[in-house]
Amino acid sequence: NDIKKCKSIEDVDRCVTSKIFKLPDLYAHYYENSCGTKLQYVQKPLLIVNSSDDPVIPLATIPFEKFKRNSNLILALTTKGGHLGFLSHNIEKNYIDELAVEYFNCIHSKEFQSRFNDDCSQNQ
């Protein structure tokens, strides 16, 4: 019945989600489920894509300082896209797919080059 009274995502999180996860309040839920509290522990290259018009993760909540302090973090910030809505003109795909493929190709080529150079220097 509580969900019928909800008028926002925050209301749903307060009335339903926090209770499901047995958290004391809305803020505990946001803290526990925020990647922002874990970014300093990232030890591998990680691409995070967010949109400036995201209604669920507003621009003001992005911890830009953590991205500056950890060289493994890459933030791709778009102007449009909403929350998970990175659509392109082609209805079959969205541009987040293309970005992910490009990112993985880049990361793997850098790792390959690094390993190749290390192997060559050890053999000399």
PDB file of N, CA and C in Angstrom:
ATOM      1  N   ASN A   1       0.812  -1.211   0.000  1.00  0.00           N
ATOM      2  CA  ASN A   1       0.000   0.000   0.000  1.00  0.00           C
ATOM      3  C   ASN A   1       0.851   1.269   0.000  1.00  0.00           C
ATOM      4  N   ASP A   2       2.031   1.195   0.646  1.00  0.00           N
ATOM      5  CA  ASP A   2       2.901   2.374   0.694  1.00  0.00           C
ATOM      6  C   ASP A   2       3.288   2.855  -0.700  1.00  0.00           C
ATOM      7  N   ILE A   3       3.491   1.920  -1.603  1.00  0.00           N
ATOM      8  CA  ILE A   3       3.954   2.299  -2.941  1.00  0.00           C
ATOM      9  C   ILE A   3       2.908   3.115  -3.700  1.00  0.00           C
ATOM     10  N   LYS A   4       1.658   2.915  -3.408  1.00  0.00           N
ATOM     11  CA  LYS A   4       0.598   3.677  -4.076  1.00  0.00           C
ATOM     12  C   LYS A   4       0.646   5.156  -3.701  1.00  0.00           C
ATOM     13  N   LYS A   5       1.204   5.454  -2.541  1.00  0.00           N
ATOM     14  CA  LYS A   5       1.297   6.837  -2.073  1.00  0.00           C
ATOM     15  C   LYS A   5       2.539   7.555  -2.612  1.00  0.00           C
ATOM     16  N   CYS A   6       3.468   6.803  -3.171  1.00  0.00           N
ATOM     17  CA  CYS A   6       4.733   7.380  -3.637  1.00  0.00           C
ATOM     18  C   CYS A   6       4.526   8.257  -4.866  1.00  0.00           C
ATOM     19  N   LYS A   7       5.192   9.406  -4.836  1.00  0.00           N
ATOM     20  CA  LYS A   7       5.097  10.348  -5.945  1.00  0.00           C
ATOM     21  C   LYS A   7       6.463  10.624  -6.585  1.00  0.00           C
ATOM     22  N   SER A   8       7.524  10.017  -6.042  1.00  0.00           N
ATOM     23  CA  SER A   8       8.868  10.236  -6.578  1.00  0.00           C
ATOM     24  C   SER A   8       9.725   8.994  -6.324  1.00  0.00           C
ATOM     25  N   ILE A   9      10.881   8.960  -6.967  1.00  0.00           N
ATOM     26  CA  ILE A   9      11.828   7.863  -6.742  1.00  0.00           C
ATOM     27  C   ILE A   9      12.280   7.869  -5.289  1.00  0.00           C
ATOM     28  N   GLU A  10      12.482   9.062  -4.752  1.00  0.00           N
ATOM     29  CA  GLU A  10      12.884   9.183  -3.346  1.00  0.00           C
ATOM     30  C   GLU A  10      11.830   8.570  -2.426  1.00  0.00           C
ATOM     31  N   ASP A  11      10.560   8.807  -2.720  1.00  0.00           N
ATOM     32  CA  ASP A  11       9.477   8.204  -1.932  1.00  0.00           C
ATOM     33  C   ASP A  11       9.535   6.681  -2.001  1.00  0.00           C
ATOM     34  N   VAL A  12       9.758   6.145  -3.198  1.00  0.00           N
ATOM     35  CA  VAL A  12       9.852   4.686  -3.362  1.00  0.00           C
ATOM     36  C   VAL A  12      11.033   4.153  -2.558  1.00  0.00           C
ATOM     37  N   ASP A  13      12.172   4.831  -2.647  1.00  0.00           N
ATOM     38  CA  ASP A  13      13.342   4.393  -1.889  1.00  0.00           C
ATOM     39  C   ASP A  13      13.091   4.438  -0.385  1.00  0.00           C
ATOM     40  N   ARG A  14      12.411   5.473   0.080  1.00  0.00           N
ATOM     41  CA  ARG A  14      12.132   5.626   1.508  1.00  0.00           C
ATOM     42  C   ARG A  14      11.129   4.575   1.996  1.00  0.00           C
ATOM     43  N   CYS A  15      10.049   4.407   1.258  1.00  0.00           N
ATOM     44  CA  CYS A  15       8.950   3.551   1.712  1.00  0.00           C
ATOM     45  C   CYS A  15       9.140   2.070   1.401  1.00  0.00           C
ATOM     46  N   VAL A  16       9.864   1.777   0.339  1.00  0.00           N
ATOM     47  CA  VAL A  16       9.943   0.387  -0.111  1.00  0.00           C
ATOM     48  C   VAL A  16      11.375  -0.154  -0.084  1.00  0.00           C
ATOM     49  N   THR A  17      12.263   0.469  -0.856  1.00  0.00           N
ATOM     50  CA  THR A  17      13.611  -0.073  -1.031  1.00  0.00           C
ATOM     51  C   THR A  17      14.369  -0.177   0.285  1.00  0.00           C
ATOM     52  N   SER A  18      14.339   0.862   1.103  1.00  0.00           N
ATOM     53  CA  SER A  18      15.043   0.831   2.385  1.00  0.00           C
ATOM     54  C   SER A  18      14.525  -0.288   3.276  1.00  0.00           C
ATOM     55  N   LYS A  19      13.228  -0.533   3.222  1.00  0.00           N
ATOM     56  CA  LYS A  19      12.634  -1.601   4.039  1.00  0.00           C
ATOM     57  C   LYS A  19      13.030  -2.981   3.521  1.00  0.00           C
ATOM     58  N   ILE A  20      13.048  -3.143   2.209  1.00  0.00           N
ATOM     59  CA  ILE A  20      13.432  -4.436   1.625  1.00  0.00           C
ATOM     60  C   ILE A  20      14.847  -4.817   2.054  1.00  0.00           C
ATOM     61  N   PHE A  21      15.755  -3.848   2.037  1.00  0.00           N
ATOM     62  CA  PHE A  21      17.146  -4.115   2.394  1.00  0.00           C
ATOM     63  C   PHE A  21      17.419  -3.936   3.888  1.00  0.00           C
ATOM     64  N   LYS A  22      16.367  -3.712   4.653  1.00  0.00           N
ATOM     65  CA  LYS A  22      16.450  -3.583   6.119  1.00  0.00           C
ATOM     66  C   LYS A  22      17.474  -2.532   6.549  1.00  0.00           C
ATOM     67  N   LEU A  23      17.402  -1.390   5.896  1.00  0.00           N
ATOM     68  CA  LEU A  23      18.271  -0.273   6.245  1.00  0.00           C
ATOM     69  C   LEU A  23      17.471   0.720   7.081  1.00  0.00           C
ATOM     70  N   PRO A  24      18.130   1.415   8.004  1.00  0.00           N
ATOM     71  CA  PRO A  24      17.400   2.282   8.929  1.00  0.00           C
ATOM     72  C   PRO A  24      16.677   3.454   8.281  1.00  0.00           C
ATOM     73  N   ASP A  25      17.238   3.960   7.172  1.00  0.00           N
ATOM     74  CA  ASP A  25      16.595   5.107   6.524  1.00  0.00           C
ATOM     75  C   ASP A  25      17.068   5.249   5.081  1.00  0.00           C
ATOM     76  N   LEU A  26      16.521   6.233   4.436  1.00  0.00           N
ATOM     77  CA  LEU A  26      16.812   6.509   3.031  1.00  0.00           C
ATOM     78  C   LEU A  26      18.295   6.791   2.800  1.00  0.00           C
ATOM     79  N   TYR A  27      18.917   7.539   3.693  1.00  0.00           N
ATOM     80  CA  TYR A  27      20.308   7.938   3.512  1.00  0.00           C
ATOM     81  C   TYR A  27      21.255   6.751   3.662  1.00  0.00           C
ATOM     82  N   ALA A  28      20.920   5.818   4.535  1.00  0.00           N
ATOM     83  CA  ALA A  28      21.713   4.592   4.663  1.00  0.00           C
ATOM     84  C   ALA A  28      21.640   3.796   3.364  1.00  0.00           C
ATOM     85  N   HIS A  29      20.463   3.762   2.771  1.00  0.00           N
ATOM     86  CA  HIS A  29      20.286   3.072   1.482  1.00  0.00           C
ATOM     87  C   HIS A  29      21.156   3.718   0.408  1.00  0.00           C
ATOM     88  N   TYR A  30      21.124   5.036   0.307  1.00  0.00           N
ATOM     89  CA  TYR A  30      21.918   5.727  -0.708  1.00  0.00           C
ATOM     90  C   TYR A  30      23.416   5.532  -0.465  1.00  0.00           C
ATOM     91  N   TYR A  31      23.840   5.569   0.784  1.00  0.00           N
ATOM     92  CA  TYR A  31      25.255   5.387   1.110  1.00  0.00           C
ATOM     93  C   TYR A  31      25.713   3.972   0.756  1.00  0.00           C
ATOM     94  N   GLU A  32      24.949   2.983   1.174  1.00  0.00           N
ATOM     95  CA  GLU A  32      25.308   1.581   0.936  1.00  0.00           C
ATOM     96  C   GLU A  32      25.375   1.243  -0.547  1.00  0.00           C
ATOM     97  N   ASN A  33      24.536   1.857  -1.343  1.00  0.00           N
ATOM     98  CA  ASN A  33      24.432   1.498  -2.756  1.00  0.00           C
ATOM     99  C   ASN A  33      25.101   2.486  -3.700  1.00  0.00           C
ATOM    100  N   SER A  34      25.841   3.413  -3.159  1.00  0.00           N
ATOM    101  CA  SER A  34      26.531   4.398  -3.986  1.00  0.00           C
ATOM    102  C   SER A  34      27.933   3.907  -4.338  1.00  0.00           C
ATOM    103  N   CYS A  35      28.298   4.001  -5.601  1.00  0.00           N
ATOM    104  CA  CYS A  35      29.670   3.640  -5.970  1.00  0.00           C
ATOM    105  C   CYS A  35      30.651   4.713  -5.490  1.00  0.00           C
ATOM    106  N   GLY A  36      30.141   5.898  -5.187  1.00  0.00           N
ATOM    107  CA  GLY A  36      30.994   6.987  -4.734  1.00  0.00           C
ATOM    108  C   GLY A  36      31.759   6.685  -3.462  1.00  0.00           C
ATOM    109  N   THR A  37      31.236   5.785  -2.644  1.00  0.00           N
ATOM    110  CA  THR A  37      31.915   5.422  -1.395  1.00  0.00           C
ATOM    111  C   THR A  37      32.984   4.356  -1.618  1.00  0.00           C
ATOM    112  N   LYS A  38      33.100   3.853  -2.837  1.00  0.00           N
ATOM    113  CA  LYS A  38      34.032   2.765  -3.126  1.00  0.00           C
ATOM    114  C   LYS A  38      35.064   3.112  -4.202  1.00  0.00           C
ATOM    115  N   LEU A  39      34.949   4.262  -4.809  1.00  0.00           N
ATOM    116  CA  LEU A  39      35.814   4.613  -5.938  1.00  0.00           C
ATOM    117  C   LEU A  39      37.299   4.635  -5.587  1.00  0.00           C
ATOM    118  N   GLN A  40      37.634   4.990  -4.372  1.00  0.00           N
ATOM    119  CA  GLN A  40      39.047   5.064  -3.995  1.00  0.00           C
ATOM    120  C   GLN A  40      39.716   3.690  -3.980  1.00  0.00           C
ATOM    121  N   TYR A  41      38.932   2.618  -3.987  1.00  0.00           N
ATOM    122  CA  TYR A  41      39.484   1.264  -3.944  1.00  0.00           C
ATOM    123  C   TYR A  41      39.670   0.641  -5.326  1.00  0.00           C
ATOM    124  N   VAL A  42      39.270   1.319  -6.370  1.00  0.00           N
ATOM    125  CA  VAL A  42      39.360   0.779  -7.728  1.00  0.00           C
ATOM    126  C   VAL A  42      40.828   0.674  -8.137  1.00  0.00           C
ATOM    127  N   GLN A  43      41.239  -0.539  -8.526  1.00  0.00           N
ATOM    128  CA  GLN A  43      42.638  -0.780  -8.881  1.00  0.00           C
ATOM    129  C   GLN A  43      42.834  -1.194 -10.335  1.00  0.00           C
ATOM    130  N   LYS A  44      41.770  -1.257 -11.089  1.00  0.00           N
ATOM    131  CA  LYS A  44      41.824  -1.584 -12.516  1.00  0.00           C
ATOM    132  C   LYS A  44      41.111  -0.466 -13.273  1.00  0.00           C
ATOM    133  N   PRO A  45      41.456  -0.267 -14.540  1.00  0.00           N
ATOM    134  CA  PRO A  45      40.771   0.779 -15.311  1.00  0.00           C
ATOM    135  C   PRO A  45      39.255   0.586 -15.316  1.00  0.00           C
ATOM    136  N   LEU A  46      38.543   1.645 -14.990  1.00  0.00           N
ATOM    137  CA  LEU A  46      37.085   1.590 -14.902  1.00  0.00           C
ATOM    138  C   LEU A  46      36.485   2.811 -15.586  1.00  0.00           C
ATOM    139  N   LEU A  47      35.643   2.552 -16.564  1.00  0.00           N
ATOM    140  CA  LEU A  47      34.934   3.620 -17.266  1.00  0.00           C
ATOM    141  C   LEU A  47      33.554   3.777 -16.642  1.00  0.00           C
ATOM    142  N   ILE A  48      33.238   4.990 -16.231  1.00  0.00           N
ATOM    143  CA  ILE A  48      31.913   5.301 -15.695  1.00  0.00           C
ATOM    144  C   ILE A  48      31.300   6.364 -16.602  1.00  0.00           C
ATOM    145  N   VAL A  49      30.106   6.073 -17.093  1.00  0.00           N
ATOM    146  CA  VAL A  49      29.417   6.993 -17.998  1.00  0.00           C
ATOM    147  C   VAL A  49      28.214   7.564 -17.274  1.00  0.00           C
ATOM    148  N   ASN A  50      28.107   8.873 -17.285  1.00  0.00           N
ATOM    149  CA  ASN A  50      26.971   9.538 -16.652  1.00  0.00           C
ATOM    150  C   ASN A  50      26.538  10.695 -17.542  1.00  0.00           C
ATOM    151  N   SER A  51      25.294  11.027 -17.458  1.00  0.00           N
ATOM    152  CA  SER A  51      24.760  12.128 -18.246  1.00  0.00           C
ATOM    153  C   SER A  51      24.430  13.312 -17.342  1.00  0.00           C
ATOM    154  N   SER A  52      24.685  14.494 -17.832  1.00  0.00           N
ATOM    155  CA  SER A  52      24.376  15.707 -17.063  1.00  0.00           C
ATOM    156  C   SER A  52      22.889  15.860 -16.782  1.00  0.00           C
ATOM    157  N   ASP A  53      22.050  15.232 -17.605  1.00  0.00           N
ATOM    158  CA  ASP A  53      20.603  15.341 -17.387  1.00  0.00           C
ATOM    159  C   ASP A  53      20.005  14.089 -16.721  1.00  0.00           C
ATOM    160  N   ASP A  54      20.842  13.299 -16.053  1.00  0.00           N
ATOM    161  CA  ASP A  54      20.373  12.090 -15.372  1.00  0.00           C
ATOM    162  C   ASP A  54      19.536  12.476 -14.152  1.00  0.00           C
ATOM    163  N   PRO A  55      18.258  12.088 -14.117  1.00  0.00           N
ATOM    164  CA  PRO A  55      17.412  12.453 -12.983  1.00  0.00           C
ATOM    165  C   PRO A  55      17.656  11.596 -11.739  1.00  0.00           C
ATOM    166  N   VAL A  56      18.293  10.437 -11.908  1.00  0.00           N
ATOM    167  CA  VAL A  56      18.534   9.536 -10.779  1.00  0.00           C
ATOM    168  C   VAL A  56      19.871   9.838 -10.110  1.00  0.00           C
ATOM    169  N   ILE A  57      20.877  10.156 -10.917  1.00  0.00           N
ATOM    170  CA  ILE A  57      22.206  10.502 -10.402  1.00  0.00           C
ATOM    171  C   ILE A  57      22.536  11.905 -10.901  1.00  0.00           C
ATOM    172  N   PRO A  58      22.073  12.918 -10.191  1.00  0.00           N
ATOM    173  CA  PRO A  58      22.281  14.304 -10.627  1.00  0.00           C
ATOM    174  C   PRO A  58      23.759  14.693 -10.655  1.00  0.00           C
ATOM    175  N   LEU A  59      24.079  15.619 -11.506  1.00  0.00           N
ATOM    176  CA  LEU A  59      25.442  16.114 -11.671  1.00  0.00           C
ATOM    177  C   LEU A  59      26.072  16.524 -10.338  1.00  0.00           C
ATOM    178  N   ALA A  60      25.299  17.121  -9.473  1.00  0.00           N
ATOM    179  CA  ALA A  60      25.811  17.604  -8.183  1.00  0.00           C
ATOM    180  C   ALA A  60      26.280  16.471  -7.271  1.00  0.00           C
ATOM    181  N   THR A  61      25.875  15.233  -7.560  1.00  0.00           N
ATOM    182  CA  THR A  61      26.264  14.114  -6.692  1.00  0.00           C
ATOM    183  C   THR A  61      27.496  13.362  -7.195  1.00  0.00           C
ATOM    184  N   ILE A  62      28.028  13.742  -8.339  1.00  0.00           N
ATOM    185  CA  ILE A  62      29.205  13.052  -8.886  1.00  0.00           C
ATOM    186  C   ILE A  62      30.451  13.509  -8.121  1.00  0.00           C
ATOM    187  N   PRO A  63      31.206  12.570  -7.557  1.00  0.00           N
ATOM    188  CA  PRO A  63      32.399  12.927  -6.770  1.00  0.00           C
ATOM    189  C   PRO A  63      33.621  13.177  -7.672  1.00  0.00           C
ATOM    190  N   PHE A  64      33.644  14.327  -8.326  1.00  0.00           N
ATOM    191  CA  PHE A  64      34.698  14.639  -9.292  1.00  0.00           C
ATOM    192  C   PHE A  64      36.099  14.527  -8.686  1.00  0.00           C
ATOM    193  N   GLU A  65      36.260  14.888  -7.428  1.00  0.00           N
ATOM    194  CA  GLU A  65      37.573  14.819  -6.772  1.00  0.00           C
ATOM    195  C   GLU A  65      38.114  13.397  -6.744  1.00  0.00           C
ATOM    196  N   LYS A  66      37.244  12.429  -6.542  1.00  0.00           N
ATOM    197  CA  LYS A  66      37.689  11.030  -6.500  1.00  0.00           C
ATOM    198  C   LYS A  66      38.199  10.580  -7.863  1.00  0.00           C
ATOM    199  N   PHE A  67      37.610  11.103  -8.922  1.00  0.00           N
ATOM    200  CA  PHE A  67      38.087  10.777 -10.261  1.00  0.00           C
ATOM    201  C   PHE A  67      39.463  11.394 -10.494  1.00  0.00           C
ATOM    202  N   LYS A  68      39.680  12.589  -9.969  1.00  0.00           N
ATOM    203  CA  LYS A  68      40.976  13.252 -10.131  1.00  0.00           C
ATOM    204  C   LYS A  68      42.072  12.518  -9.362  1.00  0.00           C
ATOM    205  N   ARG A  69      41.726  11.929  -8.217  1.00  0.00           N
ATOM    206  CA  ARG A  69      42.711  11.280  -7.354  1.00  0.00           C
ATOM    207  C   ARG A  69      43.053   9.848  -7.754  1.00  0.00           C
ATOM    208  N   ASN A  70      42.231   9.207  -8.563  1.00  0.00           N
ATOM    209  CA  ASN A  70      42.471   7.809  -8.913  1.00  0.00           C
ATOM    210  C   ASN A  70      42.625   7.693 -10.428  1.00  0.00           C
ATOM    211  N   SER A  71      43.832   7.415 -10.877  1.00  0.00           N
ATOM    212  CA  SER A  71      44.103   7.355 -12.320  1.00  0.00           C
ATOM    213  C   SER A  71      43.449   6.155 -13.005  1.00  0.00           C
ATOM    214  N   ASN A  72      42.898   5.220 -12.254  1.00  0.00           N
ATOM    215  CA  ASN A  72      42.182   4.088 -12.847  1.00  0.00           C
ATOM    216  C   ASN A  72      40.749   4.448 -13.226  1.00  0.00           C
ATOM    217  N   LEU A  73      40.274   5.583 -12.773  1.00  0.00           N
ATOM    218  CA  LEU A  73      38.891   5.987 -13.036  1.00  0.00           C
ATOM    219  C   LEU A  73      38.813   6.907 -14.248  1.00  0.00           C
ATOM    220  N   ILE A  74      37.879   6.601 -15.124  1.00  0.00           N
ATOM    221  CA  ILE A  74      37.631   7.445 -16.292  1.00  0.00           C
ATOM    222  C   ILE A  74      36.151   7.808 -16.279  1.00  0.00           C
ATOM    223  N   LEU A  75      35.863   9.089 -16.228  1.00  0.00           N
ATOM    224  CA  LEU A  75      34.478   9.555 -16.242  1.00  0.00           C
ATOM    225  C   LEU A  75      34.159  10.123 -17.619  1.00  0.00           C
ATOM    226  N   ALA A  76      33.183   9.528 -18.271  1.00  0.00           N
ATOM    227  CA  ALA A  76      32.668  10.066 -19.532  1.00  0.00           C
ATOM    228  C   ALA A  76      31.345  10.736 -19.197  1.00  0.00           C
ATOM    229  N   LEU A  77      31.331  12.043 -19.265  1.00  0.00           N
ATOM    230  CA  LEU A  77      30.147  12.818 -18.902  1.00  0.00           C
ATOM    231  C   LEU A  77      29.516  13.385 -20.170  1.00  0.00           C
ATOM    232  N   THR A  78      28.289  12.979 -20.436  1.00  0.00           N
ATOM    233  CA  THR A  78      27.577  13.450 -21.625  1.00  0.00           C
ATOM    234  C   THR A  78      26.584  14.544 -21.232  1.00  0.00           C
ATOM    235  N   THR A  79      26.141  15.311 -22.195  1.00  0.00           N
ATOM    236  CA  THR A  79      25.142  16.344 -21.902  1.00  0.00           C
ATOM    237  C   THR A  79      23.735  15.765 -21.898  1.00  0.00           C
ATOM    238  N   LYS A  80      23.507  14.765 -22.734  1.00  0.00           N
ATOM    239  CA  LYS A  80      22.183  14.141 -22.830  1.00  0.00           C
ATOM    240  C   LYS A  80      22.321  12.637 -22.657  1.00  0.00           C
ATOM    241  N   GLY A  81      21.247  12.017 -22.234  1.00  0.00           N
ATOM    242  CA  GLY A  81      21.255  10.568 -22.077  1.00  0.00           C
ATOM    243  C   GLY A  81      20.331  10.103 -20.975  1.00  0.00           C
ATOM    244  N   GLY A  82      19.980  11.034 -20.082  1.00  0.00           N
ATOM    245  CA  GLY A  82      19.084  10.650 -18.998  1.00  0.00           C
ATOM    246  C   GLY A  82      19.704   9.571 -18.138  1.00  0.00           C
ATOM    247  N   HIS A  83      18.900   8.660 -17.673  1.00  0.00           N
ATOM    248  CA  HIS A  83      19.385   7.537 -16.874  1.00  0.00           C
ATOM    249  C   HIS A  83      19.254   6.280 -17.728  1.00  0.00           C
ATOM    250  N   LEU A  84      20.369   5.802 -18.232  1.00  0.00           N
ATOM    251  CA  LEU A  84      20.420   4.614 -19.095  1.00  0.00           C
ATOM    252  C   LEU A  84      19.740   4.831 -20.436  1.00  0.00           C
ATOM    253  N   GLY A  85      19.717   6.051 -20.927  1.00  0.00           N
ATOM    254  CA  GLY A  85      19.020   6.332 -22.178  1.00  0.00           C
ATOM    255  C   GLY A  85      19.921   6.853 -23.269  1.00  0.00           C
ATOM    256  N   PHE A  86      21.083   6.262 -23.436  1.00  0.00           N
ATOM    257  CA  PHE A  86      22.057   6.744 -24.411  1.00  0.00           C
ATOM    258  C   PHE A  86      21.713   6.228 -25.805  1.00  0.00           C
ATOM    259  N   LEU A  87      20.682   6.797 -26.382  1.00  0.00           N
ATOM    260  CA  LEU A  87      20.184   6.329 -27.673  1.00  0.00           C
ATOM    261  C   LEU A  87      20.882   7.032 -28.826  1.00  0.00           C
ATOM    262  N   SER A  88      21.001   6.315 -29.932  1.00  0.00           N
ATOM    263  CA  SER A  88      21.555   6.910 -31.145  1.00  0.00           C
ATOM    264  C   SER A  88      20.449   6.964 -32.194  1.00  0.00           C
ATOM    265  N   HIS A  89      20.793   7.405 -33.376  1.00  0.00           N
ATOM    266  CA  HIS A  89      19.798   7.465 -34.455  1.00  0.00           C
ATOM    267  C   HIS A  89      19.404   6.071 -34.925  1.00  0.00           C
ATOM    268  N   ASN A  90      20.311   5.120 -34.730  1.00  0.00           N
ATOM    269  CA  ASN A  90      20.034   3.738 -35.105  1.00  0.00           C
ATOM    270  C   ASN A  90      19.259   3.076 -33.970  1.00  0.00           C
ATOM    271  N   ILE A  91      18.033   2.693 -34.229  1.00  0.00           N
ATOM    272  CA  ILE A  91      17.169   2.126 -33.192  1.00  0.00           C
ATOM    273  C   ILE A  91      17.701   0.795 -32.661  1.00  0.00           C
ATOM    274  N   GLU A  92      18.551   0.134 -33.452  1.00  0.00           N
ATOM    275  CA  GLU A  92      19.093  -1.175 -33.072  1.00  0.00           C
ATOM    276  C   GLU A  92      20.158  -1.068 -31.982  1.00  0.00           C
ATOM    277  N   LYS A  93      20.815   0.076 -31.867  1.00  0.00           N
ATOM    278  CA  LYS A  93      21.860   0.200 -30.856  1.00  0.00           C
ATOM    279  C   LYS A  93      21.883   1.598 -30.258  1.00  0.00           C
ATOM    280  N   ASN A  94      22.604   1.696 -29.167  1.00  0.00           N
ATOM    281  CA  ASN A  94      22.772   3.005 -28.552  1.00  0.00           C
ATOM    282  C   ASN A  94      24.260   3.319 -28.479  1.00  0.00           C
ATOM    283  N   TYR A  95      24.599   4.579 -28.263  1.00  0.00           N
ATOM    284  CA  TYR A  95      26.003   4.935 -28.333  1.00  0.00           C
ATOM    285  C   TYR A  95      26.806   4.471 -27.141  1.00  0.00           C
ATOM    286  N   ILE A  96      26.172   4.044 -26.086  1.00  0.00           N
ATOM    287  CA  ILE A  96      26.905   3.488 -24.951  1.00  0.00           C
ATOM    288  C   ILE A  96      27.565   2.166 -25.356  1.00  0.00           C
ATOM    289  N   ASP A  97      26.899   1.399 -26.233  1.00  0.00           N
ATOM    290  CA  ASP A  97      27.486   0.148 -26.735  1.00  0.00           C
ATOM    291  C   ASP A  97      28.770   0.433 -27.507  1.00  0.00           C
ATOM    292  N   GLU A  98      28.709   1.419 -28.379  1.00  0.00           N
ATOM    293  CA  GLU A  98      29.881   1.783 -29.175  1.00  0.00           C
ATOM    294  C   GLU A  98      31.010   2.292 -28.282  1.00  0.00           C
ATOM    295  N   LEU A  99      30.680   3.078 -27.286  1.00  0.00           N
ATOM    296  CA  LEU A  99      31.678   3.592 -26.355  1.00  0.00           C
ATOM    297  C   LEU A  99      32.333   2.451 -25.583  1.00  0.00           C
ATOM    298  N   ALA A 100      31.554   1.499 -25.130  1.00  0.00           N
ATOM    299  CA  ALA A 100      32.091   0.362 -24.381  1.00  0.00           C
ATOM    300  C   ALA A 100      33.062  -0.450 -25.236  1.00  0.00           C
ATOM    301  N   VAL A 101      32.703  -0.712 -26.471  1.00  0.00           N
ATOM    302  CA  VAL A 101      33.591  -1.466 -27.368  1.00  0.00           C
ATOM    303  C   VAL A 101      34.891  -0.704 -27.595  1.00  0.00           C
ATOM    304  N   GLU A 102      34.791   0.588 -27.846  1.00  0.00           N
ATOM    305  CA  GLU A 102      35.985   1.406 -28.060  1.00  0.00           C
ATOM    306  C   GLU A 102      36.873   1.410 -26.814  1.00  0.00           C
ATOM    307  N   TYR A 103      36.269   1.525 -25.648  1.00  0.00           N
ATOM    308  CA  TYR A 103      37.010   1.523 -24.384  1.00  0.00           C
ATOM    309  C   TYR A 103      37.750   0.197 -24.193  1.00  0.00           C
ATOM    310  N   PHE A 104      37.049  -0.919 -24.365  1.00  0.00           N
ATOM    311  CA  PHE A 104      37.685  -2.224 -24.170  1.00  0.00           C
ATOM    312  C   PHE A 104      38.807  -2.461 -25.174  1.00  0.00           C
ATOM    313  N   ASN A 105      38.613  -2.047 -26.406  1.00  0.00           N
ATOM    314  CA  ASN A 105      39.686  -2.170 -27.394  1.00  0.00           C
ATOM    315  C   ASN A 105      40.914  -1.378 -26.964  1.00  0.00           C
ATOM    316  N   CYS A 106      40.700  -0.193 -26.466  1.00  0.00           N
ATOM    317  CA  CYS A 106      41.799   0.661 -26.012  1.00  0.00           C
ATOM    318  C   CYS A 106      42.510   0.054 -24.803  1.00  0.00           C
ATOM    319  N   ILE A 107      41.757  -0.366 -23.817  1.00  0.00           N
ATOM    320  CA  ILE A 107      42.339  -0.947 -22.599  1.00  0.00           C
ATOM    321  C   ILE A 107      43.140  -2.193 -22.935  1.00  0.00           C
ATOM    322  N   HIS A 108      42.576  -3.049 -23.745  1.00  0.00           N
ATOM    323  CA  HIS A 108      43.277  -4.287 -24.075  1.00  0.00           C
ATOM    324  C   HIS A 108      44.521  -4.030 -24.911  1.00  0.00           C
ATOM    325  N   SER A 109      44.488  -3.061 -25.777  1.00  0.00           N
ATOM    326  CA  SER A 109      45.685  -2.781 -26.564  1.00  0.00           C
ATOM    327  C   SER A 109      46.782  -2.201 -25.677  1.00  0.00           C
ATOM    328  N   LYS A 110      46.425  -1.372 -24.703  1.00  0.00           N
ATOM    329  CA  LYS A 110      47.417  -0.826 -23.772  1.00  0.00           C
ATOM    330  C   LYS A 110      48.007  -1.939 -22.914  1.00  0.00           C
ATOM    331  N   GLU A 111      47.154  -2.833 -22.438  1.00  0.00           N
ATOM    332  CA  GLU A 111      47.649  -3.945 -21.626  1.00  0.00           C
ATOM    333  C   GLU A 111      48.573  -4.831 -22.457  1.00  0.00           C
ATOM    334  N   PHE A 112      48.198  -5.069 -23.701  1.00  0.00           N
ATOM    335  CA  PHE A 112      49.030  -5.882 -24.578  1.00  0.00           C
ATOM    336  C   PHE A 112      50.387  -5.225 -24.767  1.00  0.00           C
ATOM    337  N   GLN A 113      50.399  -3.932 -25.059  1.00  0.00           N
ATOM    338  CA  GLN A 113      51.652  -3.215 -25.271  1.00  0.00           C
ATOM    339  C   GLN A 113      52.524  -3.262 -24.022  1.00  0.00           C
ATOM    340  N   SER A 114      51.914  -3.074 -22.868  1.00  0.00           N
ATOM    341  CA  SER A 114      52.654  -3.090 -21.611  1.00  0.00           C
ATOM    342  C   SER A 114      53.277  -4.464 -21.374  1.00  0.00           C
ATOM    343  N   ARG A 115      52.510  -5.504 -21.557  1.00  0.00           N
ATOM    344  CA  ARG A 115      53.026  -6.867 -21.367  1.00  0.00           C
ATOM    345  C   ARG A 115      54.112  -7.179 -22.386  1.00  0.00           C
ATOM    346  N   PHE A 116      53.895  -6.761 -23.621  1.00  0.00           N
ATOM    347  CA  PHE A 116      54.863  -7.017 -24.676  1.00  0.00           C
ATOM    348  C   PHE A 116      56.189  -6.346 -24.342  1.00  0.00           C
ATOM    349  N   ASN A 117      56.146  -5.092 -23.924  1.00  0.00           N
ATOM    350  CA  ASN A 117      57.369  -4.360 -23.581  1.00  0.00           C
ATOM    351  C   ASN A 117      58.066  -4.981 -22.385  1.00  0.00           C
ATOM    352  N   ASP A 118      57.312  -5.410 -21.376  1.00  0.00           N
ATOM    353  CA  ASP A 118      57.902  -6.052 -20.197  1.00  0.00           C
ATOM    354  C   ASP A 118      58.578  -7.367 -20.576  1.00  0.00           C
ATOM    355  N   ASP A 119      57.923  -8.164 -21.414  1.00  0.00           N
ATOM    356  CA  ASP A 119      58.490  -9.443 -21.845  1.00  0.00           C
ATOM    357  C   ASP A 119      59.773  -9.234 -22.637  1.00  0.00           C
ATOM    358  N   CYS A 120      59.795  -8.239 -23.508  1.00  0.00           N
ATOM    359  CA  CYS A 120      60.977  -7.969 -24.327  1.00  0.00           C
ATOM    360  C   CYS A 120      62.151  -7.515 -23.471  1.00  0.00           C
ATOM    361  N   SER A 121      61.900  -6.664 -22.500  1.00  0.00           N
ATOM    362  CA  SER A 121      62.991  -6.156 -21.667  1.00  0.00           C
ATOM    363  C   SER A 121      63.565  -7.248 -20.771  1.00  0.00           C
ATOM    364  N   GLN A 122      62.764  -8.219 -20.375  1.00  0.00           N
ATOM    365  CA  GLN A 122      63.257  -9.319 -19.542  1.00  0.00           C
ATOM    366  C   GLN A 122      64.115 -10.284 -20.353  1.00  0.00           C
ATOM    367  N   ASN A 123      63.881 -10.362 -21.655  1.00  0.00           N
ATOM    368  CA  ASN A 123      64.631 -11.288 -22.505  1.00  0.00           C
ATOM    369  C   ASN A 123      65.957 -10.706 -22.984  1.00  0.00           C
ATOM    370  N   GLN A 124      66.237  -9.455 -22.698  1.00  0.00           N
ATOM    371  CA  GLN A 124      67.476  -8.841 -23.191  1.00  0.00           C
ATOM    372  C   GLN A 124      68.595  -8.987 -22.200  1.00  0.00           C
TER     373      GLN A 124
END
